[in-house]
Amino acid sequence: MTYTPITPGTINWDVPVNAAFTSQDSRITSNEGRLNGLESKQVIGPSDAGWIAWNYDPATAQGSTTLTTGQMFMSRLDIRSSATAVNAIYALNAVGVTLTSGQNLVGLYDSSGNLLATSADQSANWLSTGLKVTAFTSSVSIAAGTYHLGFLSNGATPMSLLRSMATSAQNATVNLGFSASAARWATTGAGLTALPTPVTMSGRAASFGSAWAALS
């Protein structure tokens, strides 16, 4: 192909130059998209496990949050698109001791504190440690938004959830300045024997017990 130079200053001399710049910009943008796609594949997310969402990568969890008998502990989950919730997923670092039948439960709450789904009693299931996939008694359709898994454990010694190594001094840090209503981790109630509904979200106490949780 023969290239015929165009003398600057002549009519339309800038047309091929601008076209070349436009073409180059297009290639750069396209390559950036490919690189971003490759970068995103390097990060393991809940969808890789076939789950809807989790509150952080479980590989960073290595501590324990021991629940208080009769008090519900809540872990926040942010859902990016509509889904059908079937299971609560979490892990036990320590088993419960002499758990009270019918009073060890998991529930799914919306951001207003309404109970959307509940599990069957987990008194037997919480006598062993490790990953737990706890089915709700009925699946529930959820829209994009903020939700919370609530954990209630009653017995001589409640179970302990796997969590990050945050300490009490980091309470404000792990909750990122959120209000009690929106806190990532929080507790509510006293002397509870069943999952409360509704929960007064503004009355919750933010917690540094950053328990890992997921939803599928």
N, C-alpha and C. Protein backbone atom coordinates (compact mmCIF):
# COMPACT_ATOMS: atom_id res chain seq x y z
N MET A 1 0.86 -1.20 0.00
CA MET A 1 0.00 0.00 0.00
C MET A 1 0.89 1.24 0.00
N THR A 2 0.60 2.15 -0.89
CA THR A 2 1.39 3.37 -1.00
C THR A 2 0.75 4.47 -0.17
N TYR A 3 1.57 5.10 0.68
CA TYR A 3 1.07 6.19 1.52
C TYR A 3 1.48 7.51 0.91
N THR A 4 0.49 8.36 0.67
CA THR A 4 0.75 9.68 0.10
C THR A 4 0.61 10.71 1.20
N PRO A 5 1.73 11.33 1.61
CA PRO A 5 1.65 12.33 2.69
C PRO A 5 0.72 13.48 2.34
N ILE A 6 0.06 14.01 3.34
CA ILE A 6 -0.79 15.19 3.16
C ILE A 6 -0.12 16.36 3.83
N THR A 7 0.07 17.41 3.08
CA THR A 7 0.79 18.56 3.60
C THR A 7 -0.05 19.29 4.64
N PRO A 8 0.52 19.48 5.86
CA PRO A 8 -0.22 20.23 6.87
C PRO A 8 -0.64 21.59 6.35
N GLY A 9 -1.84 21.97 6.69
CA GLY A 9 -2.35 23.26 6.28
C GLY A 9 -3.22 23.19 5.05
N THR A 10 -3.14 22.07 4.33
CA THR A 10 -4.00 21.92 3.16
C THR A 10 -5.39 21.50 3.60
N ILE A 11 -6.36 21.55 2.72
CA ILE A 11 -7.74 21.24 3.06
C ILE A 11 -7.86 19.79 3.51
N ASN A 12 -8.50 19.60 4.65
CA ASN A 12 -8.80 18.27 5.20
C ASN A 12 -7.55 17.44 5.57
N TRP A 13 -6.41 18.11 5.75
CA TRP A 13 -5.21 17.34 6.10
C TRP A 13 -5.34 16.62 7.44
N ASP A 14 -6.23 17.18 8.33
CA ASP A 14 -6.34 16.60 9.67
C ASP A 14 -7.29 15.40 9.74
N VAL A 15 -8.06 15.15 8.68
CA VAL A 15 -9.04 14.06 8.73
C VAL A 15 -8.39 12.71 8.98
N PRO A 16 -7.41 12.29 8.20
CA PRO A 16 -6.80 10.99 8.47
C PRO A 16 -6.07 10.94 9.81
N VAL A 17 -5.51 12.08 10.23
CA VAL A 17 -4.82 12.12 11.53
C VAL A 17 -5.80 11.85 12.66
N ASN A 18 -6.95 12.54 12.63
CA ASN A 18 -7.97 12.33 13.67
C ASN A 18 -8.51 10.91 13.64
N ALA A 19 -8.66 10.39 12.41
CA ALA A 19 -9.15 9.02 12.29
C ALA A 19 -8.18 8.04 12.93
N ALA A 20 -6.90 8.29 12.76
CA ALA A 20 -5.88 7.41 13.35
C ALA A 20 -5.94 7.46 14.88
N PHE A 21 -6.08 8.70 15.42
CA PHE A 21 -6.18 8.83 16.88
C PHE A 21 -7.43 8.13 17.41
N THR A 22 -8.55 8.28 16.69
CA THR A 22 -9.80 7.63 17.11
C THR A 22 -9.65 6.12 17.13
N SER A 23 -8.99 5.60 16.09
CA SER A 23 -8.77 4.16 16.00
C SER A 23 -7.89 3.67 17.16
N GLN A 24 -6.85 4.44 17.47
CA GLN A 24 -5.96 4.06 18.56
C GLN A 24 -6.69 4.10 19.90
N ASP A 25 -7.51 5.13 20.12
CA ASP A 25 -8.29 5.22 21.36
C ASP A 25 -9.21 4.01 21.52
N SER A 26 -9.81 3.60 20.43
CA SER A 26 -10.70 2.45 20.45
C SER A 26 -9.97 1.18 20.88
N ARG A 27 -8.74 1.00 20.32
CA ARG A 27 -7.96 -0.19 20.67
C ARG A 27 -7.56 -0.16 22.14
N ILE A 28 -7.18 1.02 22.64
CA ILE A 28 -6.78 1.14 24.04
C ILE A 28 -7.96 0.81 24.96
N THR A 29 -9.14 1.39 24.65
CA THR A 29 -10.33 1.14 25.46
C THR A 29 -10.69 -0.34 25.46
N SER A 30 -10.59 -0.96 24.29
CA SER A 30 -10.91 -2.38 24.18
C SER A 30 -9.97 -3.22 25.02
N ASN A 31 -8.68 -2.88 24.97
CA ASN A 31 -7.69 -3.63 25.75
C ASN A 31 -7.88 -3.43 27.24
N GLU A 32 -8.27 -2.19 27.63
CA GLU A 32 -8.53 -1.94 29.04
C GLU A 32 -9.67 -2.83 29.54
N GLY A 33 -10.70 -2.98 28.71
CA GLY A 33 -11.82 -3.84 29.08
C GLY A 33 -11.37 -5.27 29.28
N ARG A 34 -10.50 -5.74 28.37
CA ARG A 34 -10.00 -7.11 28.51
C ARG A 34 -9.17 -7.27 29.76
N LEU A 35 -8.34 -6.28 30.07
CA LEU A 35 -7.51 -6.35 31.27
C LEU A 35 -8.36 -6.33 32.53
N ASN A 36 -9.38 -5.45 32.54
CA ASN A 36 -10.27 -5.41 33.71
C ASN A 36 -10.97 -6.75 33.90
N GLY A 37 -11.37 -7.37 32.79
CA GLY A 37 -12.01 -8.67 32.89
C GLY A 37 -11.07 -9.70 33.47
N LEU A 38 -9.80 -9.66 33.02
CA LEU A 38 -8.82 -10.61 33.53
C LEU A 38 -8.54 -10.37 35.00
N GLU A 39 -8.44 -9.10 35.41
CA GLU A 39 -8.20 -8.77 36.81
C GLU A 39 -9.33 -9.28 37.69
N SER A 40 -10.58 -9.12 37.24
CA SER A 40 -11.72 -9.54 38.05
C SER A 40 -11.72 -11.05 38.25
N LYS A 41 -11.16 -11.79 37.28
CA LYS A 41 -11.13 -13.25 37.39
C LYS A 41 -10.12 -13.71 38.43
N GLN A 42 -9.21 -12.81 38.84
CA GLN A 42 -8.21 -13.19 39.83
C GLN A 42 -8.77 -13.12 41.25
N VAL A 43 -9.96 -12.55 41.45
CA VAL A 43 -10.54 -12.40 42.77
C VAL A 43 -11.67 -13.40 42.93
N ILE A 44 -11.55 -14.26 43.94
CA ILE A 44 -12.58 -15.25 44.21
C ILE A 44 -13.77 -14.54 44.85
N GLY A 45 -14.96 -14.77 44.33
CA GLY A 45 -16.17 -14.17 44.88
C GLY A 45 -17.21 -15.23 45.19
N PRO A 46 -18.31 -14.85 45.83
CA PRO A 46 -19.35 -15.82 46.19
C PRO A 46 -19.93 -16.55 45.00
N SER A 47 -20.00 -15.89 43.85
CA SER A 47 -20.57 -16.55 42.68
C SER A 47 -19.73 -17.74 42.24
N ASP A 48 -18.43 -17.71 42.54
CA ASP A 48 -17.56 -18.84 42.19
C ASP A 48 -17.93 -20.09 42.97
N ALA A 49 -18.55 -19.90 44.13
CA ALA A 49 -19.02 -21.02 44.93
C ALA A 49 -20.48 -21.34 44.65
N GLY A 50 -21.08 -20.58 43.72
CA GLY A 50 -22.49 -20.78 43.40
C GLY A 50 -23.42 -20.13 44.41
N TRP A 51 -22.91 -19.13 45.14
CA TRP A 51 -23.69 -18.47 46.17
C TRP A 51 -24.14 -17.08 45.72
N ILE A 52 -25.11 -16.52 46.43
CA ILE A 52 -25.64 -15.20 46.10
C ILE A 52 -24.70 -14.09 46.56
N ALA A 53 -24.24 -14.18 47.80
CA ALA A 53 -23.40 -13.11 48.37
C ALA A 53 -22.71 -13.62 49.62
N TRP A 54 -21.60 -12.97 49.98
CA TRP A 54 -21.01 -13.13 51.31
C TRP A 54 -20.56 -11.77 51.80
N ASN A 55 -20.27 -11.67 53.11
CA ASN A 55 -19.90 -10.36 53.62
C ASN A 55 -18.40 -10.07 53.54
N TYR A 56 -17.59 -11.09 53.30
CA TYR A 56 -16.18 -10.92 52.98
C TYR A 56 -15.60 -12.29 52.65
N ASP A 57 -14.38 -12.31 52.11
CA ASP A 57 -13.73 -13.57 51.75
C ASP A 57 -13.46 -14.38 53.01
N PRO A 58 -13.97 -15.61 53.09
CA PRO A 58 -13.79 -16.41 54.31
C PRO A 58 -12.34 -16.79 54.57
N ALA A 59 -11.46 -16.64 53.56
CA ALA A 59 -10.06 -16.97 53.76
C ALA A 59 -9.40 -16.06 54.79
N THR A 60 -10.01 -14.91 55.06
CA THR A 60 -9.44 -13.96 56.03
C THR A 60 -10.03 -14.14 57.43
N ALA A 61 -10.92 -15.10 57.60
CA ALA A 61 -11.55 -15.31 58.91
C ALA A 61 -10.76 -16.34 59.71
N GLN A 62 -10.46 -16.01 60.97
CA GLN A 62 -9.67 -16.93 61.79
C GLN A 62 -9.94 -16.79 63.28
N GLY A 63 -10.93 -15.99 63.66
CA GLY A 63 -11.25 -15.81 65.06
C GLY A 63 -12.59 -16.43 65.41
N SER A 64 -13.07 -16.16 66.61
CA SER A 64 -14.35 -16.70 67.07
C SER A 64 -15.20 -15.62 67.72
N THR A 65 -16.49 -15.66 67.44
CA THR A 65 -17.47 -14.84 68.14
C THR A 65 -18.41 -15.80 68.87
N THR A 66 -18.32 -15.80 70.19
CA THR A 66 -19.21 -16.65 70.98
C THR A 66 -20.49 -15.88 71.25
N LEU A 67 -21.61 -16.45 70.85
CA LEU A 67 -22.89 -15.78 71.04
C LEU A 67 -23.26 -15.74 72.53
N THR A 68 -24.13 -14.81 72.86
CA THR A 68 -24.66 -14.70 74.22
C THR A 68 -26.03 -15.35 74.25
N THR A 69 -26.25 -16.22 75.21
CA THR A 69 -27.53 -16.90 75.32
C THR A 69 -28.68 -15.90 75.34
N GLY A 70 -29.68 -16.13 74.49
CA GLY A 70 -30.86 -15.28 74.47
C GLY A 70 -30.71 -13.96 73.76
N GLN A 71 -29.56 -13.73 73.12
CA GLN A 71 -29.32 -12.49 72.38
C GLN A 71 -29.04 -12.85 70.92
N MET A 72 -29.69 -12.15 69.99
CA MET A 72 -29.47 -12.45 68.59
C MET A 72 -28.30 -11.66 68.03
N PHE A 73 -27.45 -12.36 67.31
CA PHE A 73 -26.32 -11.74 66.62
C PHE A 73 -26.68 -11.63 65.14
N MET A 74 -26.35 -10.48 64.50
CA MET A 74 -26.74 -10.25 63.12
C MET A 74 -25.54 -9.88 62.25
N SER A 75 -25.45 -10.53 61.08
CA SER A 75 -24.42 -10.26 60.08
C SER A 75 -25.06 -9.70 58.83
N ARG A 76 -24.55 -8.57 58.37
CA ARG A 76 -25.12 -7.89 57.20
C ARG A 76 -24.62 -8.50 55.89
N LEU A 77 -25.52 -8.60 54.91
CA LEU A 77 -25.20 -9.05 53.56
C LEU A 77 -25.79 -8.06 52.57
N ASP A 78 -25.01 -7.63 51.60
CA ASP A 78 -25.48 -6.69 50.58
C ASP A 78 -25.70 -7.45 49.28
N ILE A 79 -26.95 -7.48 48.83
CA ILE A 79 -27.33 -8.23 47.65
C ILE A 79 -27.37 -7.29 46.45
N ARG A 80 -26.66 -7.61 45.38
CA ARG A 80 -26.51 -6.72 44.23
C ARG A 80 -27.60 -6.89 43.18
N SER A 81 -28.26 -8.04 43.15
CA SER A 81 -29.33 -8.26 42.19
C SER A 81 -30.34 -9.23 42.77
N SER A 82 -31.52 -9.24 42.23
CA SER A 82 -32.59 -10.08 42.77
C SER A 82 -32.19 -11.55 42.72
N ALA A 83 -32.69 -12.32 43.70
CA ALA A 83 -32.31 -13.73 43.80
C ALA A 83 -33.34 -14.46 44.65
N THR A 84 -33.20 -15.76 44.71
CA THR A 84 -34.02 -16.58 45.60
C THR A 84 -33.11 -17.15 46.67
N ALA A 85 -33.36 -16.78 47.91
CA ALA A 85 -32.54 -17.24 49.03
C ALA A 85 -33.06 -18.57 49.55
N VAL A 86 -32.17 -19.54 49.63
CA VAL A 86 -32.53 -20.89 50.05
C VAL A 86 -31.81 -21.30 51.34
N ASN A 87 -30.52 -20.90 51.44
CA ASN A 87 -29.69 -21.33 52.56
C ASN A 87 -28.93 -20.18 53.21
N ALA A 88 -28.74 -20.27 54.50
CA ALA A 88 -27.79 -19.44 55.23
C ALA A 88 -26.50 -20.24 55.34
N ILE A 89 -25.36 -19.58 55.08
CA ILE A 89 -24.07 -20.27 55.11
C ILE A 89 -23.16 -19.54 56.10
N TYR A 90 -22.50 -20.29 56.95
CA TYR A 90 -21.65 -19.72 58.00
C TYR A 90 -20.77 -20.85 58.51
N ALA A 91 -19.95 -20.59 59.52
CA ALA A 91 -19.09 -21.65 60.05
C ALA A 91 -19.01 -21.54 61.57
N LEU A 92 -18.97 -22.69 62.22
CA LEU A 92 -18.83 -22.75 63.67
C LEU A 92 -17.37 -23.02 64.04
N ASN A 93 -16.84 -22.17 64.93
CA ASN A 93 -15.49 -22.37 65.45
C ASN A 93 -15.52 -23.19 66.74
N ALA A 94 -16.64 -23.15 67.43
CA ALA A 94 -16.79 -23.93 68.66
C ALA A 94 -18.24 -24.35 68.79
N VAL A 95 -18.45 -25.55 69.30
CA VAL A 95 -19.81 -26.10 69.40
C VAL A 95 -20.54 -25.51 70.60
N GLY A 96 -21.85 -25.64 70.56
CA GLY A 96 -22.65 -25.30 71.72
C GLY A 96 -22.66 -26.46 72.70
N VAL A 97 -22.95 -26.14 73.95
CA VAL A 97 -23.00 -27.16 74.99
C VAL A 97 -24.38 -27.13 75.63
N THR A 98 -25.01 -28.30 75.71
CA THR A 98 -26.34 -28.45 76.30
C THR A 98 -27.28 -27.39 75.72
N LEU A 99 -27.40 -27.40 74.40
CA LEU A 99 -28.26 -26.43 73.71
C LEU A 99 -29.73 -26.77 73.95
N THR A 100 -30.53 -25.72 74.05
CA THR A 100 -31.96 -25.88 74.34
C THR A 100 -32.73 -26.17 73.06
N SER A 101 -33.38 -27.29 73.01
CA SER A 101 -34.13 -27.69 71.82
C SER A 101 -35.16 -26.63 71.43
N GLY A 102 -35.20 -26.32 70.15
CA GLY A 102 -36.18 -25.38 69.62
C GLY A 102 -35.79 -23.92 69.75
N GLN A 103 -34.61 -23.64 70.34
CA GLN A 103 -34.23 -22.25 70.59
C GLN A 103 -32.88 -21.88 69.96
N ASN A 104 -32.47 -22.64 68.97
CA ASN A 104 -31.22 -22.35 68.26
C ASN A 104 -31.54 -22.25 66.78
N LEU A 105 -31.53 -21.00 66.28
CA LEU A 105 -32.16 -20.71 64.98
C LEU A 105 -31.35 -19.70 64.17
N VAL A 106 -31.60 -19.72 62.86
CA VAL A 106 -31.05 -18.73 61.94
C VAL A 106 -32.21 -18.11 61.18
N GLY A 107 -32.17 -16.79 61.01
CA GLY A 107 -33.23 -16.11 60.26
C GLY A 107 -32.66 -15.10 59.29
N LEU A 108 -33.41 -14.80 58.26
CA LEU A 108 -33.04 -13.77 57.29
C LEU A 108 -33.95 -12.57 57.47
N TYR A 109 -33.35 -11.39 57.65
CA TYR A 109 -34.09 -10.15 57.87
C TYR A 109 -33.81 -9.16 56.76
N ASP A 110 -34.80 -8.31 56.48
CA ASP A 110 -34.56 -7.20 55.55
C ASP A 110 -34.03 -6.01 56.33
N SER A 111 -33.75 -4.91 55.63
CA SER A 111 -33.12 -3.75 56.26
C SER A 111 -34.05 -3.04 57.24
N SER A 112 -35.35 -3.35 57.18
CA SER A 112 -36.31 -2.75 58.12
C SER A 112 -36.53 -3.61 59.36
N GLY A 113 -35.87 -4.77 59.39
CA GLY A 113 -35.99 -5.64 60.56
C GLY A 113 -37.10 -6.68 60.47
N ASN A 114 -37.68 -6.82 59.28
CA ASN A 114 -38.73 -7.83 59.10
C ASN A 114 -38.12 -9.20 58.87
N LEU A 115 -38.63 -10.22 59.52
CA LEU A 115 -38.16 -11.59 59.36
C LEU A 115 -38.74 -12.18 58.09
N LEU A 116 -37.87 -12.55 57.15
CA LEU A 116 -38.30 -13.05 55.85
C LEU A 116 -38.29 -14.57 55.77
N ALA A 117 -37.33 -15.19 56.45
CA ALA A 117 -37.18 -16.64 56.39
C ALA A 117 -36.52 -17.12 57.66
N THR A 118 -36.80 -18.36 58.04
CA THR A 118 -36.23 -18.92 59.26
C THR A 118 -35.83 -20.38 59.02
N SER A 119 -34.87 -20.84 59.80
CA SER A 119 -34.43 -22.23 59.72
C SER A 119 -35.23 -23.08 60.70
N ALA A 120 -35.06 -24.38 60.57
CA ALA A 120 -35.53 -25.28 61.62
C ALA A 120 -34.55 -25.18 62.80
N ASP A 121 -34.86 -25.81 63.89
CA ASP A 121 -33.97 -25.77 65.07
C ASP A 121 -32.61 -26.39 64.73
N GLN A 122 -31.54 -25.73 65.19
CA GLN A 122 -30.18 -26.15 64.90
C GLN A 122 -29.45 -26.74 66.10
N SER A 123 -30.18 -27.12 67.14
CA SER A 123 -29.55 -27.63 68.37
C SER A 123 -28.63 -28.81 68.09
N ALA A 124 -29.03 -29.72 67.23
CA ALA A 124 -28.18 -30.87 66.90
C ALA A 124 -27.07 -30.48 65.94
N ASN A 125 -27.37 -29.63 64.96
CA ASN A 125 -26.41 -29.21 63.95
C ASN A 125 -25.25 -28.43 64.56
N TRP A 126 -25.51 -27.72 65.66
CA TRP A 126 -24.48 -26.89 66.27
C TRP A 126 -23.67 -27.63 67.33
N LEU A 127 -23.68 -28.95 67.25
CA LEU A 127 -22.84 -29.77 68.13
C LEU A 127 -21.58 -30.23 67.41
N SER A 128 -21.33 -29.67 66.23
CA SER A 128 -20.11 -29.95 65.47
C SER A 128 -19.62 -28.67 64.82
N THR A 129 -18.32 -28.54 64.67
CA THR A 129 -17.74 -27.34 64.08
C THR A 129 -17.66 -27.48 62.55
N GLY A 130 -17.27 -26.39 61.90
CA GLY A 130 -17.06 -26.41 60.46
C GLY A 130 -18.11 -25.63 59.70
N LEU A 131 -18.04 -25.71 58.37
CA LEU A 131 -18.96 -24.99 57.50
C LEU A 131 -20.37 -25.54 57.65
N LYS A 132 -21.33 -24.63 57.75
CA LYS A 132 -22.73 -25.01 57.88
C LYS A 132 -23.53 -24.40 56.73
N VAL A 133 -24.32 -25.22 56.08
CA VAL A 133 -25.26 -24.76 55.06
C VAL A 133 -26.64 -25.09 55.59
N THR A 134 -27.30 -24.08 56.13
CA THR A 134 -28.56 -24.27 56.84
C THR A 134 -29.72 -23.80 55.97
N ALA A 135 -30.60 -24.71 55.63
CA ALA A 135 -31.73 -24.39 54.77
C ALA A 135 -32.80 -23.62 55.54
N PHE A 136 -33.41 -22.67 54.86
CA PHE A 136 -34.60 -22.02 55.41
C PHE A 136 -35.78 -22.98 55.21
N THR A 137 -36.76 -22.87 56.07
CA THR A 137 -37.92 -23.75 55.95
C THR A 137 -38.67 -23.49 54.66
N SER A 138 -38.57 -22.27 54.13
CA SER A 138 -39.13 -21.92 52.83
C SER A 138 -38.18 -20.95 52.14
N SER A 139 -37.95 -21.14 50.85
CA SER A 139 -37.13 -20.19 50.11
C SER A 139 -37.86 -18.86 50.02
N VAL A 140 -37.10 -17.79 49.77
CA VAL A 140 -37.72 -16.47 49.71
C VAL A 140 -37.09 -15.65 48.57
N SER A 141 -37.90 -14.96 47.81
CA SER A 141 -37.41 -14.09 46.74
C SER A 141 -37.00 -12.76 47.34
N ILE A 142 -35.80 -12.31 47.00
CA ILE A 142 -35.29 -11.05 47.53
C ILE A 142 -34.83 -10.16 46.39
N ALA A 143 -35.06 -8.87 46.55
CA ALA A 143 -34.59 -7.88 45.58
C ALA A 143 -33.20 -7.40 45.99
N ALA A 144 -32.54 -6.66 45.11
CA ALA A 144 -31.27 -6.07 45.47
C ALA A 144 -31.46 -5.18 46.69
N GLY A 145 -30.51 -5.22 47.62
CA GLY A 145 -30.62 -4.40 48.82
C GLY A 145 -29.81 -4.98 49.96
N THR A 146 -30.07 -4.48 51.16
CA THR A 146 -29.34 -4.89 52.36
C THR A 146 -30.17 -5.86 53.18
N TYR A 147 -29.54 -6.95 53.59
CA TYR A 147 -30.20 -7.97 54.40
C TYR A 147 -29.28 -8.36 55.56
N HIS A 148 -29.83 -9.08 56.51
CA HIS A 148 -29.05 -9.50 57.67
C HIS A 148 -29.42 -10.93 58.04
N LEU A 149 -28.41 -11.75 58.31
CA LEU A 149 -28.65 -13.06 58.88
C LEU A 149 -28.62 -12.93 60.40
N GLY A 150 -29.64 -13.44 61.06
CA GLY A 150 -29.71 -13.39 62.51
C GLY A 150 -29.46 -14.78 63.10
N PHE A 151 -28.61 -14.85 64.13
CA PHE A 151 -28.27 -16.12 64.78
C PHE A 151 -28.68 -16.04 66.25
N LEU A 152 -29.48 -17.00 66.67
CA LEU A 152 -29.91 -17.08 68.06
C LEU A 152 -29.49 -18.43 68.62
N SER A 153 -28.75 -18.42 69.74
CA SER A 153 -28.30 -19.67 70.35
C SER A 153 -28.61 -19.64 71.84
N ASN A 154 -29.28 -20.68 72.31
CA ASN A 154 -29.63 -20.81 73.72
C ASN A 154 -29.14 -22.14 74.26
N GLY A 155 -28.53 -22.09 75.44
CA GLY A 155 -28.03 -23.30 76.07
C GLY A 155 -27.04 -22.96 77.16
N ALA A 156 -26.45 -24.00 77.75
CA ALA A 156 -25.45 -23.76 78.79
C ALA A 156 -24.28 -22.95 78.26
N THR A 157 -23.84 -23.29 77.03
CA THR A 157 -22.81 -22.52 76.32
C THR A 157 -23.24 -22.39 74.87
N PRO A 158 -23.54 -21.19 74.40
CA PRO A 158 -23.92 -21.00 72.99
C PRO A 158 -22.76 -21.33 72.06
N MET A 159 -23.08 -21.54 70.82
CA MET A 159 -22.03 -21.83 69.82
C MET A 159 -21.24 -20.57 69.49
N SER A 160 -20.09 -20.78 68.80
CA SER A 160 -19.22 -19.68 68.39
C SER A 160 -19.10 -19.65 66.87
N LEU A 161 -19.25 -18.48 66.28
CA LEU A 161 -19.15 -18.29 64.83
C LEU A 161 -17.73 -17.92 64.42
N LEU A 162 -17.32 -18.40 63.26
CA LEU A 162 -16.04 -18.00 62.67
C LEU A 162 -16.09 -16.53 62.29
N ARG A 163 -15.04 -15.78 62.60
CA ARG A 163 -15.01 -14.35 62.28
C ARG A 163 -13.59 -13.89 62.03
N SER A 164 -13.45 -12.59 61.70
CA SER A 164 -12.14 -12.00 61.53
C SER A 164 -11.51 -11.78 62.90
N MET A 165 -10.28 -11.28 62.89
CA MET A 165 -9.56 -11.07 64.15
C MET A 165 -9.77 -9.67 64.73
N ALA A 166 -10.84 -9.00 64.37
CA ALA A 166 -11.12 -7.67 64.91
C ALA A 166 -11.27 -7.73 66.43
N THR A 167 -10.85 -6.67 67.10
CA THR A 167 -10.97 -6.58 68.55
C THR A 167 -11.99 -5.50 68.92
N SER A 168 -12.30 -5.42 70.20
CA SER A 168 -13.29 -4.43 70.66
C SER A 168 -12.86 -3.01 70.30
N ALA A 169 -11.56 -2.77 70.24
CA ALA A 169 -11.07 -1.43 69.90
C ALA A 169 -11.37 -1.08 68.44
N GLN A 170 -11.69 -2.09 67.65
CA GLN A 170 -11.95 -1.88 66.22
C GLN A 170 -13.44 -1.90 65.89
N ASN A 171 -14.28 -1.76 66.89
CA ASN A 171 -15.73 -1.81 66.68
C ASN A 171 -16.17 -0.80 65.63
N ALA A 172 -15.73 0.44 65.77
CA ALA A 172 -16.12 1.47 64.83
C ALA A 172 -15.52 1.23 63.45
N THR A 173 -14.32 0.63 63.43
CA THR A 173 -13.65 0.39 62.16
C THR A 173 -14.38 -0.67 61.34
N VAL A 174 -14.70 -1.80 61.95
CA VAL A 174 -15.34 -2.88 61.17
C VAL A 174 -16.75 -2.50 60.77
N ASN A 175 -17.37 -1.57 61.49
CA ASN A 175 -18.71 -1.12 61.12
C ASN A 175 -18.70 0.16 60.30
N LEU A 176 -17.50 0.65 59.97
CA LEU A 176 -17.30 1.71 58.98
C LEU A 176 -18.14 2.96 59.20
N GLY A 177 -18.43 3.27 60.45
CA GLY A 177 -19.19 4.48 60.74
C GLY A 177 -20.67 4.35 60.46
N PHE A 178 -21.16 3.15 60.11
CA PHE A 178 -22.58 2.97 59.88
C PHE A 178 -23.36 3.17 61.18
N SER A 179 -24.59 3.62 61.05
CA SER A 179 -25.46 3.73 62.21
C SER A 179 -25.83 2.33 62.70
N ALA A 180 -26.45 2.27 63.88
CA ALA A 180 -26.87 0.98 64.42
C ALA A 180 -27.81 0.27 63.46
N SER A 181 -28.64 1.02 62.77
CA SER A 181 -29.61 0.43 61.84
C SER A 181 -28.94 -0.30 60.68
N ALA A 182 -27.77 0.21 60.26
CA ALA A 182 -27.11 -0.33 59.08
C ALA A 182 -25.81 -1.06 59.40
N ALA A 183 -25.48 -1.22 60.67
CA ALA A 183 -24.21 -1.83 61.07
C ALA A 183 -24.00 -3.18 60.40
N ARG A 184 -22.76 -3.45 60.06
CA ARG A 184 -22.44 -4.73 59.42
C ARG A 184 -22.61 -5.89 60.40
N TRP A 185 -22.27 -5.64 61.64
CA TRP A 185 -22.46 -6.65 62.69
C TRP A 185 -23.07 -5.99 63.91
N ALA A 186 -24.05 -6.65 64.50
CA ALA A 186 -24.76 -6.04 65.63
C ALA A 186 -25.47 -7.12 66.44
N THR A 187 -25.85 -6.75 67.65
CA THR A 187 -26.62 -7.65 68.51
C THR A 187 -27.93 -6.98 68.91
N THR A 188 -28.90 -7.81 69.27
CA THR A 188 -30.18 -7.27 69.70
C THR A 188 -30.88 -8.24 70.63
N GLY A 189 -31.65 -7.70 71.57
CA GLY A 189 -32.50 -8.53 72.42
C GLY A 189 -31.79 -9.11 73.63
N ALA A 190 -32.60 -9.66 74.52
CA ALA A 190 -32.11 -10.35 75.72
C ALA A 190 -33.20 -11.33 76.16
N GLY A 191 -32.79 -12.51 76.57
CA GLY A 191 -33.76 -13.50 76.99
C GLY A 191 -34.63 -14.04 75.87
N LEU A 192 -34.17 -13.92 74.63
CA LEU A 192 -34.96 -14.39 73.50
C LEU A 192 -34.97 -15.92 73.44
N THR A 193 -36.13 -16.48 73.13
CA THR A 193 -36.24 -17.93 72.93
C THR A 193 -36.68 -18.25 71.50
N ALA A 194 -36.99 -17.23 70.74
CA ALA A 194 -37.38 -17.37 69.34
C ALA A 194 -36.87 -16.16 68.58
N LEU A 195 -36.77 -16.28 67.27
CA LEU A 195 -36.31 -15.15 66.47
C LEU A 195 -37.30 -14.00 66.59
N PRO A 196 -36.82 -12.81 66.95
CA PRO A 196 -37.74 -11.67 67.10
C PRO A 196 -38.19 -11.13 65.75
N THR A 197 -39.39 -10.60 65.70
CA THR A 197 -39.88 -9.94 64.49
C THR A 197 -41.00 -8.98 64.86
N PRO A 198 -40.92 -7.73 64.41
CA PRO A 198 -39.75 -7.19 63.70
C PRO A 198 -38.65 -6.81 64.68
N VAL A 199 -37.46 -6.57 64.16
CA VAL A 199 -36.35 -6.07 64.97
C VAL A 199 -36.31 -4.56 64.83
N THR A 200 -36.17 -3.85 65.93
CA THR A 200 -35.97 -2.40 65.89
C THR A 200 -34.51 -2.16 65.55
N MET A 201 -34.24 -1.92 64.29
CA MET A 201 -32.86 -1.87 63.81
C MET A 201 -32.06 -0.74 64.47
N SER A 202 -32.72 0.38 64.73
CA SER A 202 -32.03 1.51 65.35
C SER A 202 -31.65 1.23 66.80
N GLY A 203 -32.27 0.21 67.40
CA GLY A 203 -31.98 -0.14 68.79
C GLY A 203 -30.90 -1.18 68.94
N ARG A 204 -30.34 -1.64 67.85
CA ARG A 204 -29.29 -2.65 67.93
C ARG A 204 -27.99 -2.05 68.46
N ALA A 205 -27.12 -2.92 68.95
CA ALA A 205 -25.79 -2.49 69.40
C ALA A 205 -24.76 -3.01 68.41
N ALA A 206 -23.99 -2.10 67.82
CA ALA A 206 -22.94 -2.51 66.88
C ALA A 206 -21.94 -3.41 67.59
N SER A 207 -21.41 -4.39 66.85
CA SER A 207 -20.50 -5.37 67.43
C SER A 207 -19.23 -5.50 66.60
N PHE A 208 -18.10 -5.74 67.28
CA PHE A 208 -16.85 -5.99 66.56
C PHE A 208 -16.73 -7.48 66.19
N GLY A 209 -17.70 -8.28 66.61
CA GLY A 209 -17.67 -9.73 66.34
C GLY A 209 -18.00 -10.02 64.91
N SER A 210 -17.06 -9.73 64.01
CA SER A 210 -17.30 -9.71 62.58
C SER A 210 -17.42 -11.12 61.98
N ALA A 211 -18.53 -11.78 62.28
CA ALA A 211 -18.75 -13.16 61.83
C ALA A 211 -18.93 -13.23 60.33
N TRP A 212 -18.29 -14.23 59.72
CA TRP A 212 -18.44 -14.44 58.29
C TRP A 212 -19.79 -15.11 58.02
N ALA A 213 -20.44 -14.70 56.93
CA ALA A 213 -21.73 -15.29 56.56
C ALA A 213 -21.93 -15.16 55.06
N ALA A 214 -22.75 -16.04 54.52
CA ALA A 214 -23.07 -16.03 53.09
C ALA A 214 -24.51 -16.48 52.90
N LEU A 215 -24.97 -16.32 51.67
CA LEU A 215 -26.35 -16.66 51.33
C LEU A 215 -26.35 -17.38 50.00
N SER A 216 -27.17 -18.40 49.90
CA SER A 216 -27.30 -19.10 48.62
C SER A 216 -28.77 -19.40 48.36
